[in-house]
N, C-alpha and C. Protein backbone atom coordinates (compact mmCIF):
# COMPACT_ATOMS: atom_id res chain seq x y z
N MET A 1 -47.36 -37.80 -34.33
CA MET A 1 -46.56 -37.26 -35.38
C MET A 1 -46.03 -35.88 -34.98
N ARG A 2 -46.91 -35.08 -34.49
CA ARG A 2 -46.52 -33.74 -34.08
C ARG A 2 -45.49 -33.84 -32.96
N ARG A 3 -45.68 -34.76 -32.07
CA ARG A 3 -44.75 -34.98 -30.97
C ARG A 3 -43.39 -35.39 -31.52
N MET A 4 -43.35 -36.20 -32.53
CA MET A 4 -42.12 -36.66 -33.16
C MET A 4 -41.38 -35.49 -33.82
N ILE A 5 -42.08 -34.58 -34.45
CA ILE A 5 -41.47 -33.42 -35.10
C ILE A 5 -40.86 -32.50 -34.04
N VAL A 6 -41.56 -32.30 -32.95
CA VAL A 6 -41.05 -31.44 -31.87
C VAL A 6 -39.80 -32.08 -31.26
N LEU A 7 -39.82 -33.42 -31.06
CA LEU A 7 -38.65 -34.10 -30.52
C LEU A 7 -37.47 -34.01 -31.49
N MET A 8 -37.72 -34.18 -32.76
CA MET A 8 -36.65 -34.08 -33.77
C MET A 8 -36.08 -32.65 -33.81
N ALA A 9 -36.94 -31.65 -33.75
CA ALA A 9 -36.49 -30.26 -33.78
C ALA A 9 -35.64 -29.97 -32.53
N GLY A 10 -36.07 -30.48 -31.39
CA GLY A 10 -35.30 -30.31 -30.15
C GLY A 10 -33.95 -30.99 -30.22
N LEU A 11 -33.93 -32.20 -30.82
CA LEU A 11 -32.69 -32.94 -30.97
C LEU A 11 -31.72 -32.21 -31.89
N VAL A 12 -32.22 -31.67 -32.99
CA VAL A 12 -31.39 -30.90 -33.94
C VAL A 12 -30.83 -29.67 -33.23
N ALA A 13 -31.65 -28.98 -32.46
CA ALA A 13 -31.20 -27.78 -31.74
C ALA A 13 -30.12 -28.15 -30.72
N LEU A 14 -30.31 -29.27 -30.01
CA LEU A 14 -29.33 -29.73 -29.03
C LEU A 14 -28.01 -30.08 -29.69
N ILE A 15 -28.06 -30.74 -30.84
CA ILE A 15 -26.85 -31.08 -31.57
C ILE A 15 -26.15 -29.81 -32.06
N ALA A 16 -26.91 -28.85 -32.54
CA ALA A 16 -26.33 -27.59 -33.02
C ALA A 16 -25.62 -26.86 -31.88
N VAL A 17 -26.22 -26.80 -30.71
CA VAL A 17 -25.60 -26.15 -29.56
C VAL A 17 -24.33 -26.89 -29.16
N ALA A 18 -24.38 -28.21 -29.16
CA ALA A 18 -23.20 -29.01 -28.81
C ALA A 18 -22.07 -28.77 -29.80
N LEU A 19 -22.37 -28.71 -31.08
CA LEU A 19 -21.33 -28.48 -32.10
C LEU A 19 -20.71 -27.09 -31.94
N ILE A 20 -21.52 -26.12 -31.65
CA ILE A 20 -21.00 -24.77 -31.43
C ILE A 20 -20.07 -24.76 -30.21
N ALA A 21 -20.50 -25.40 -29.13
CA ALA A 21 -19.68 -25.45 -27.92
C ALA A 21 -18.36 -26.16 -28.17
N VAL A 22 -18.40 -27.27 -28.88
CA VAL A 22 -17.17 -28.00 -29.19
C VAL A 22 -16.26 -27.15 -30.06
N GLY A 23 -16.82 -26.44 -31.01
CA GLY A 23 -16.01 -25.57 -31.88
C GLY A 23 -15.35 -24.45 -31.11
N VAL A 24 -16.04 -23.87 -30.16
CA VAL A 24 -15.47 -22.78 -29.36
C VAL A 24 -14.36 -23.33 -28.47
N MET A 25 -14.55 -24.48 -27.86
CA MET A 25 -13.54 -25.05 -26.98
C MET A 25 -12.33 -25.50 -27.78
N ALA A 26 -12.53 -25.97 -28.99
CA ALA A 26 -11.42 -26.47 -29.79
C ALA A 26 -10.59 -25.35 -30.38
N GLN A 27 -11.14 -24.16 -30.45
CA GLN A 27 -10.41 -23.04 -31.04
C GLN A 27 -9.30 -22.63 -30.09
N SER A 28 -8.06 -22.66 -30.56
CA SER A 28 -6.92 -22.34 -29.70
C SER A 28 -6.77 -20.83 -29.60
N PRO A 29 -6.22 -20.34 -28.50
CA PRO A 29 -6.00 -18.90 -28.35
C PRO A 29 -5.09 -18.35 -29.44
N ALA A 30 -4.16 -19.16 -29.92
CA ALA A 30 -3.24 -18.68 -30.95
C ALA A 30 -3.96 -18.43 -32.27
N SER A 31 -5.10 -19.09 -32.49
CA SER A 31 -5.79 -18.92 -33.76
C SER A 31 -6.77 -17.76 -33.74
N THR A 32 -7.02 -17.20 -32.57
CA THR A 32 -7.92 -16.05 -32.50
C THR A 32 -7.11 -14.78 -32.63
N PRO A 33 -7.68 -13.77 -33.26
CA PRO A 33 -6.95 -12.50 -33.37
C PRO A 33 -6.67 -11.95 -31.98
N ARG A 34 -5.44 -11.45 -31.76
CA ARG A 34 -5.04 -10.93 -30.46
C ARG A 34 -4.91 -9.41 -30.55
N SER A 35 -5.32 -8.76 -29.49
CA SER A 35 -5.20 -7.30 -29.45
C SER A 35 -3.73 -6.92 -29.29
N GLN A 36 -3.43 -5.65 -29.51
CA GLN A 36 -2.05 -5.16 -29.35
C GLN A 36 -1.57 -5.39 -27.93
N LEU A 37 -2.44 -5.18 -26.95
CA LEU A 37 -2.07 -5.39 -25.56
C LEU A 37 -1.72 -6.85 -25.30
N GLU A 38 -2.51 -7.78 -25.87
CA GLU A 38 -2.22 -9.20 -25.69
C GLU A 38 -0.93 -9.61 -26.37
N GLN A 39 -0.54 -8.91 -27.41
CA GLN A 39 0.66 -9.25 -28.16
C GLN A 39 1.92 -8.66 -27.52
N THR A 40 1.78 -7.73 -26.61
CA THR A 40 2.91 -7.07 -25.98
C THR A 40 3.32 -7.83 -24.73
N SER A 41 4.61 -8.17 -24.64
CA SER A 41 5.08 -8.84 -23.44
C SER A 41 5.32 -7.79 -22.36
N LEU A 42 5.40 -8.23 -21.12
CA LEU A 42 5.63 -7.29 -20.02
C LEU A 42 6.96 -6.57 -20.18
N ALA A 43 7.95 -7.23 -20.76
CA ALA A 43 9.26 -6.60 -20.94
C ALA A 43 9.19 -5.44 -21.93
N GLU A 44 8.19 -5.44 -22.82
CA GLU A 44 8.09 -4.39 -23.83
C GLU A 44 7.29 -3.19 -23.36
N ILE A 45 6.59 -3.31 -22.26
CA ILE A 45 5.78 -2.20 -21.77
C ILE A 45 6.70 -1.18 -21.13
N PRO A 46 6.69 0.07 -21.62
CA PRO A 46 7.58 1.07 -21.03
C PRO A 46 7.24 1.32 -19.57
N ARG A 47 8.28 1.36 -18.75
CA ARG A 47 8.10 1.62 -17.33
C ARG A 47 8.46 3.07 -17.05
N PRO A 48 7.70 3.72 -16.20
CA PRO A 48 8.09 5.08 -15.84
C PRO A 48 9.39 5.04 -15.03
N ALA A 49 10.18 6.06 -15.17
CA ALA A 49 11.44 6.13 -14.41
C ALA A 49 11.12 6.18 -12.93
N PRO A 50 11.88 5.44 -12.13
CA PRO A 50 11.63 5.49 -10.68
C PRO A 50 11.98 6.87 -10.12
N GLU A 51 11.30 7.24 -9.09
CA GLU A 51 11.57 8.53 -8.44
C GLU A 51 12.84 8.39 -7.62
N PRO A 52 13.87 9.20 -7.93
CA PRO A 52 15.14 9.08 -7.19
C PRO A 52 14.97 9.46 -5.72
N ARG A 53 15.55 8.63 -4.87
CA ARG A 53 15.56 8.93 -3.43
C ARG A 53 16.62 9.99 -3.14
N PHE A 54 17.72 9.95 -3.91
CA PHE A 54 18.80 10.92 -3.76
C PHE A 54 19.22 11.40 -5.14
N THR A 55 19.65 12.65 -5.22
CA THR A 55 20.22 13.22 -6.45
C THR A 55 21.54 13.86 -6.06
N ARG A 56 22.60 13.47 -6.75
CA ARG A 56 23.92 14.01 -6.43
C ARG A 56 24.67 14.33 -7.72
N THR A 57 25.52 15.35 -7.62
CA THR A 57 26.38 15.76 -8.73
C THR A 57 27.82 15.57 -8.32
N THR A 58 28.56 14.81 -9.11
CA THR A 58 29.99 14.65 -8.84
C THR A 58 30.68 15.94 -9.27
N TYR A 59 31.54 16.46 -8.43
CA TYR A 59 32.19 17.73 -8.76
C TYR A 59 33.52 17.54 -9.47
N ALA A 60 34.05 16.33 -9.46
CA ALA A 60 35.34 16.09 -10.12
C ALA A 60 35.45 14.62 -10.51
N ALA A 61 36.33 14.37 -11.46
CA ALA A 61 36.63 13.01 -11.88
C ALA A 61 38.14 12.81 -11.81
N THR A 62 38.55 11.61 -11.43
CA THR A 62 39.97 11.32 -11.26
C THR A 62 40.20 9.82 -11.41
N ASP A 63 41.46 9.44 -11.27
CA ASP A 63 41.79 8.02 -11.18
C ASP A 63 42.11 7.72 -9.71
N LEU A 64 42.49 6.49 -9.42
CA LEU A 64 42.76 6.12 -8.03
C LEU A 64 43.86 6.96 -7.39
N ASP A 65 44.90 7.31 -8.16
CA ASP A 65 46.02 8.09 -7.61
C ASP A 65 45.61 9.47 -7.13
N GLY A 66 44.62 10.08 -7.79
CA GLY A 66 44.21 11.44 -7.42
C GLY A 66 43.00 11.49 -6.50
N ALA A 67 42.44 10.35 -6.14
CA ALA A 67 41.19 10.32 -5.40
C ALA A 67 41.28 10.93 -4.00
N THR A 68 42.29 10.58 -3.25
CA THR A 68 42.38 11.05 -1.86
C THR A 68 42.41 12.57 -1.78
N ALA A 69 43.22 13.20 -2.62
CA ALA A 69 43.32 14.67 -2.59
C ALA A 69 41.96 15.32 -2.91
N LEU A 70 41.24 14.79 -3.89
CA LEU A 70 39.94 15.38 -4.24
C LEU A 70 38.89 15.08 -3.17
N LEU A 71 38.93 13.91 -2.58
CA LEU A 71 37.99 13.60 -1.49
C LEU A 71 38.20 14.53 -0.31
N ASP A 72 39.47 14.83 0.00
CA ASP A 72 39.79 15.66 1.16
C ASP A 72 39.33 17.11 1.01
N VAL A 73 39.02 17.55 -0.22
CA VAL A 73 38.52 18.91 -0.44
C VAL A 73 37.10 19.07 0.10
N CYS A 74 36.37 17.98 0.19
CA CYS A 74 35.01 17.96 0.76
C CYS A 74 34.02 18.84 0.00
N LYS A 75 34.04 18.74 -1.33
CA LYS A 75 33.07 19.48 -2.14
C LYS A 75 31.92 18.60 -2.62
N GLY A 76 31.91 17.34 -2.20
CA GLY A 76 30.86 16.41 -2.63
C GLY A 76 31.48 15.16 -3.20
N PRO A 77 30.63 14.32 -3.78
CA PRO A 77 31.15 13.05 -4.32
C PRO A 77 32.05 13.27 -5.54
N ILE A 78 32.97 12.35 -5.74
CA ILE A 78 33.82 12.37 -6.92
C ILE A 78 33.64 11.06 -7.68
N ALA A 79 33.91 11.11 -8.97
CA ALA A 79 33.88 9.91 -9.81
C ALA A 79 35.32 9.44 -9.96
N VAL A 80 35.54 8.16 -9.69
CA VAL A 80 36.90 7.61 -9.75
C VAL A 80 36.94 6.52 -10.83
N PHE A 81 37.81 6.73 -11.80
CA PHE A 81 38.03 5.72 -12.84
C PHE A 81 38.95 4.66 -12.24
N VAL A 82 38.46 3.40 -12.19
CA VAL A 82 39.25 2.34 -11.57
C VAL A 82 39.72 1.30 -12.58
N GLY A 83 39.46 1.52 -13.85
CA GLY A 83 39.94 0.60 -14.88
C GLY A 83 38.90 0.31 -15.94
N THR A 84 39.39 -0.12 -17.07
CA THR A 84 38.51 -0.48 -18.18
C THR A 84 37.66 -1.68 -17.78
N ASN A 85 36.41 -1.64 -18.19
CA ASN A 85 35.43 -2.70 -17.88
C ASN A 85 35.19 -2.86 -16.38
N ARG A 86 35.40 -1.80 -15.64
CA ARG A 86 35.11 -1.78 -14.20
C ARG A 86 34.07 -0.69 -13.96
N PRO A 87 33.31 -0.78 -12.88
CA PRO A 87 32.32 0.26 -12.61
C PRO A 87 32.99 1.58 -12.21
N THR A 88 32.30 2.66 -12.47
CA THR A 88 32.77 3.96 -11.97
C THR A 88 32.52 3.99 -10.47
N LEU A 89 33.54 4.34 -9.72
CA LEU A 89 33.41 4.45 -8.27
C LEU A 89 33.00 5.88 -7.94
N ILE A 90 31.93 6.03 -7.21
CA ILE A 90 31.47 7.35 -6.79
C ILE A 90 31.66 7.39 -5.28
N ALA A 91 32.64 8.17 -4.85
CA ALA A 91 33.07 8.15 -3.45
C ALA A 91 32.94 9.52 -2.82
N GLU A 92 32.74 9.50 -1.51
CA GLU A 92 32.68 10.74 -0.72
C GLU A 92 33.01 10.37 0.71
N HIS A 93 33.88 11.18 1.35
CA HIS A 93 34.18 10.94 2.76
C HIS A 93 32.89 10.99 3.58
N ASP A 94 32.82 10.17 4.59
CA ASP A 94 31.65 10.16 5.47
C ASP A 94 31.48 11.52 6.15
N TYR A 95 32.56 12.10 6.63
CA TYR A 95 32.50 13.38 7.36
C TYR A 95 32.32 14.58 6.43
N CYS A 96 32.33 14.35 5.12
CA CYS A 96 32.07 15.42 4.16
C CYS A 96 30.65 15.33 3.59
N GLY A 97 29.87 14.42 4.10
CA GLY A 97 28.48 14.29 3.65
C GLY A 97 28.13 12.93 3.07
N GLY A 98 29.12 12.09 2.80
CA GLY A 98 28.84 10.78 2.20
C GLY A 98 27.95 9.90 3.05
N SER A 99 28.17 9.92 4.37
CA SER A 99 27.35 9.04 5.22
C SER A 99 25.93 9.56 5.38
N SER A 100 25.72 10.85 5.09
CA SER A 100 24.36 11.40 5.24
C SER A 100 23.41 10.89 4.16
N TRP A 101 23.97 10.30 3.10
CA TRP A 101 23.07 9.76 2.07
C TRP A 101 23.44 8.35 1.64
N MET A 102 24.73 8.09 1.41
CA MET A 102 25.11 6.76 0.92
C MET A 102 24.79 5.66 1.94
N SER A 103 24.92 5.96 3.20
CA SER A 103 24.66 4.95 4.22
C SER A 103 23.17 4.66 4.36
N LYS A 104 22.34 5.47 3.72
CA LYS A 104 20.89 5.31 3.83
C LYS A 104 20.25 4.63 2.62
N VAL A 105 21.01 4.40 1.56
CA VAL A 105 20.41 3.77 0.38
C VAL A 105 20.10 2.31 0.68
N LYS A 106 19.06 1.84 0.03
CA LYS A 106 18.63 0.45 0.18
C LYS A 106 18.53 -0.18 -1.21
N VAL A 107 18.62 -1.49 -1.26
CA VAL A 107 18.45 -2.19 -2.53
C VAL A 107 17.07 -1.83 -3.08
N GLY A 108 17.03 -1.44 -4.34
CA GLY A 108 15.79 -1.03 -5.00
C GLY A 108 15.62 0.47 -5.09
N ASP A 109 16.38 1.23 -4.28
CA ASP A 109 16.30 2.69 -4.35
C ASP A 109 16.85 3.20 -5.68
N ALA A 110 16.30 4.31 -6.13
CA ALA A 110 16.82 4.97 -7.32
C ALA A 110 17.65 6.17 -6.89
N VAL A 111 18.74 6.40 -7.61
CA VAL A 111 19.63 7.52 -7.33
C VAL A 111 19.94 8.21 -8.66
N ARG A 112 19.75 9.53 -8.71
CA ARG A 112 20.10 10.28 -9.92
C ARG A 112 21.51 10.83 -9.72
N ILE A 113 22.38 10.54 -10.69
CA ILE A 113 23.76 11.00 -10.60
C ILE A 113 24.12 11.71 -11.90
N ASP A 114 24.77 12.86 -11.75
CA ASP A 114 25.29 13.59 -12.91
C ASP A 114 26.59 14.26 -12.50
N GLY A 115 27.22 14.89 -13.44
CA GLY A 115 28.45 15.61 -13.13
C GLY A 115 29.67 15.06 -13.83
N ASP A 116 30.83 15.50 -13.38
CA ASP A 116 32.10 15.09 -13.98
C ASP A 116 32.34 13.59 -13.80
N GLY A 117 32.74 12.94 -14.88
CA GLY A 117 33.17 11.54 -14.82
C GLY A 117 32.07 10.50 -14.82
N VAL A 118 30.82 10.90 -14.91
CA VAL A 118 29.71 9.93 -14.95
C VAL A 118 28.82 10.20 -16.15
N ASP A 119 28.20 9.15 -16.64
CA ASP A 119 27.15 9.32 -17.64
C ASP A 119 25.88 9.62 -16.86
N ASP A 120 25.40 10.87 -17.01
CA ASP A 120 24.23 11.30 -16.25
C ASP A 120 23.08 10.31 -16.39
N GLY A 121 22.36 10.09 -15.31
CA GLY A 121 21.19 9.24 -15.40
C GLY A 121 20.68 8.80 -14.05
N ILE A 122 19.67 7.95 -14.14
CA ILE A 122 19.09 7.36 -12.94
C ILE A 122 19.66 5.95 -12.81
N PHE A 123 20.07 5.62 -11.61
CA PHE A 123 20.63 4.31 -11.32
C PHE A 123 19.80 3.67 -10.21
N VAL A 124 19.73 2.35 -10.22
CA VAL A 124 18.99 1.61 -9.20
C VAL A 124 19.99 0.80 -8.39
N VAL A 125 19.86 0.86 -7.07
CA VAL A 125 20.74 0.11 -6.18
C VAL A 125 20.38 -1.38 -6.29
N THR A 126 21.37 -2.18 -6.71
CA THR A 126 21.13 -3.61 -6.90
C THR A 126 21.87 -4.47 -5.87
N SER A 127 22.84 -3.90 -5.19
CA SER A 127 23.54 -4.67 -4.16
C SER A 127 24.05 -3.71 -3.10
N LEU A 128 24.22 -4.24 -1.91
CA LEU A 128 24.67 -3.43 -0.78
C LEU A 128 25.53 -4.34 0.09
N THR A 129 26.80 -3.97 0.25
CA THR A 129 27.69 -4.76 1.10
C THR A 129 28.46 -3.83 2.02
N TYR A 130 28.85 -4.36 3.15
CA TYR A 130 29.67 -3.63 4.11
C TYR A 130 31.00 -4.35 4.20
N GLU A 131 32.07 -3.60 4.04
CA GLU A 131 33.41 -4.18 4.01
C GLU A 131 34.28 -3.50 5.07
N THR A 132 35.41 -4.13 5.35
CA THR A 132 36.37 -3.55 6.29
C THR A 132 37.18 -2.47 5.57
N ARG A 133 37.27 -1.30 6.19
CA ARG A 133 38.03 -0.19 5.61
C ARG A 133 39.48 -0.59 5.38
N HIS A 134 40.08 -0.02 4.39
CA HIS A 134 41.49 -0.21 4.04
C HIS A 134 41.81 -1.62 3.54
N GLU A 135 40.80 -2.47 3.40
CA GLU A 135 41.04 -3.81 2.89
C GLU A 135 40.36 -4.04 1.53
N VAL A 136 39.56 -3.09 1.08
CA VAL A 136 38.83 -3.25 -0.18
C VAL A 136 39.75 -2.91 -1.36
N ARG A 137 39.72 -3.77 -2.35
CA ARG A 137 40.51 -3.58 -3.57
C ARG A 137 39.54 -3.43 -4.75
N VAL A 138 40.05 -2.95 -5.86
CA VAL A 138 39.21 -2.75 -7.05
C VAL A 138 38.47 -4.03 -7.41
N GLY A 139 39.11 -5.16 -7.30
CA GLY A 139 38.47 -6.44 -7.62
C GLY A 139 37.33 -6.81 -6.69
N ASP A 140 37.23 -6.13 -5.54
CA ASP A 140 36.16 -6.41 -4.58
C ASP A 140 34.88 -5.63 -4.89
N LEU A 141 34.97 -4.68 -5.82
CA LEU A 141 33.78 -3.88 -6.15
C LEU A 141 32.72 -4.76 -6.78
N PRO A 142 31.45 -4.48 -6.49
CA PRO A 142 30.37 -5.26 -7.10
C PRO A 142 30.38 -5.12 -8.62
N ASP A 143 29.90 -6.15 -9.30
CA ASP A 143 29.75 -6.10 -10.75
C ASP A 143 28.52 -5.25 -11.03
N ALA A 144 28.75 -4.00 -11.42
CA ALA A 144 27.66 -3.04 -11.60
C ALA A 144 28.11 -1.97 -12.58
N ASP A 145 27.21 -1.05 -12.92
CA ASP A 145 27.57 0.08 -13.78
C ASP A 145 28.33 1.14 -13.01
N ALA A 146 27.99 1.30 -11.75
CA ALA A 146 28.66 2.27 -10.87
C ALA A 146 28.56 1.74 -9.44
N VAL A 147 29.43 2.25 -8.58
CA VAL A 147 29.43 1.82 -7.18
C VAL A 147 29.56 3.06 -6.30
N LEU A 148 28.65 3.18 -5.32
CA LEU A 148 28.77 4.23 -4.30
C LEU A 148 29.65 3.69 -3.18
N GLN A 149 30.50 4.57 -2.62
CA GLN A 149 31.36 4.14 -1.52
C GLN A 149 31.58 5.28 -0.54
N THR A 150 31.35 4.98 0.73
CA THR A 150 31.67 5.90 1.83
C THR A 150 31.89 5.07 3.09
N CYS A 151 32.58 5.65 4.03
CA CYS A 151 32.77 4.98 5.32
C CYS A 151 31.50 5.15 6.14
N VAL A 152 31.18 4.15 6.95
CA VAL A 152 29.99 4.24 7.81
C VAL A 152 30.35 4.15 9.29
N THR A 153 31.51 3.60 9.59
CA THR A 153 32.04 3.58 10.96
C THR A 153 33.56 3.73 10.85
N LYS A 154 34.25 3.67 11.98
CA LYS A 154 35.71 3.77 11.96
C LYS A 154 36.35 2.56 11.30
N THR A 155 35.60 1.44 11.20
CA THR A 155 36.18 0.23 10.63
C THR A 155 35.46 -0.31 9.39
N LYS A 156 34.28 0.23 9.07
CA LYS A 156 33.48 -0.31 7.96
C LYS A 156 33.17 0.76 6.92
N LEU A 157 33.02 0.29 5.68
CA LEU A 157 32.54 1.15 4.60
C LEU A 157 31.44 0.41 3.86
N VAL A 158 30.62 1.17 3.16
CA VAL A 158 29.52 0.59 2.39
C VAL A 158 29.86 0.68 0.91
N LEU A 159 29.51 -0.38 0.19
CA LEU A 159 29.61 -0.41 -1.27
C LEU A 159 28.21 -0.70 -1.79
N ALA A 160 27.66 0.23 -2.55
CA ALA A 160 26.33 0.05 -3.13
C ALA A 160 26.47 -0.07 -4.64
N GLY A 161 26.15 -1.24 -5.17
CA GLY A 161 26.20 -1.46 -6.62
C GLY A 161 25.00 -0.83 -7.29
N LEU A 162 25.26 -0.12 -8.38
CA LEU A 162 24.20 0.60 -9.11
C LEU A 162 24.13 0.11 -10.56
N GLU A 163 22.91 -0.10 -11.04
CA GLU A 163 22.68 -0.42 -12.45
C GLU A 163 21.93 0.76 -13.05
N ARG A 164 22.36 1.15 -14.24
CA ARG A 164 21.68 2.25 -14.94
C ARG A 164 20.25 1.83 -15.24
N TYR A 165 19.30 2.74 -14.95
CA TYR A 165 17.89 2.49 -15.28
C TYR A 165 17.69 2.68 -16.78
N GLU A 166 17.11 1.68 -17.40
CA GLU A 166 16.78 1.74 -18.83
C GLU A 166 15.28 1.63 -18.96
N ALA A 167 14.67 2.59 -19.63
CA ALA A 167 13.20 2.58 -19.79
C ALA A 167 12.76 1.40 -20.64
């Protein structure tokens, strides 16, 4: 009799443990309270601003017709308005300093730009192409918020597409 009671008590305990285990496994993650961290998607987590590899100030702003004269002054990069719904072109002659920095940017680099004709901020290089000089047209510019442009050889120029960094 005593043996039967011990066996019954053990059986009841085993069933209780099994029911608890089944209940825990059946509980879905959606039904358990979630912490604030678990409820936050990666897109919502604020990212620190990237450290700019280069910082430049445009000294003047112009349209395409006035660009050559301002570039020839060699005071630094200029912002060129190339049309509505087009990126701001930030250009500098290679021999005036443009190749010392624009030719060195890589996709993923951050660049801080401020000055005349630009909305100050940090931009990230999203594309990099090399084109033949004197053959590039406004329609050839990358789809971006801004584009860096300088010559890199006697026949080639670099176009670096920039997207504004948003925290």
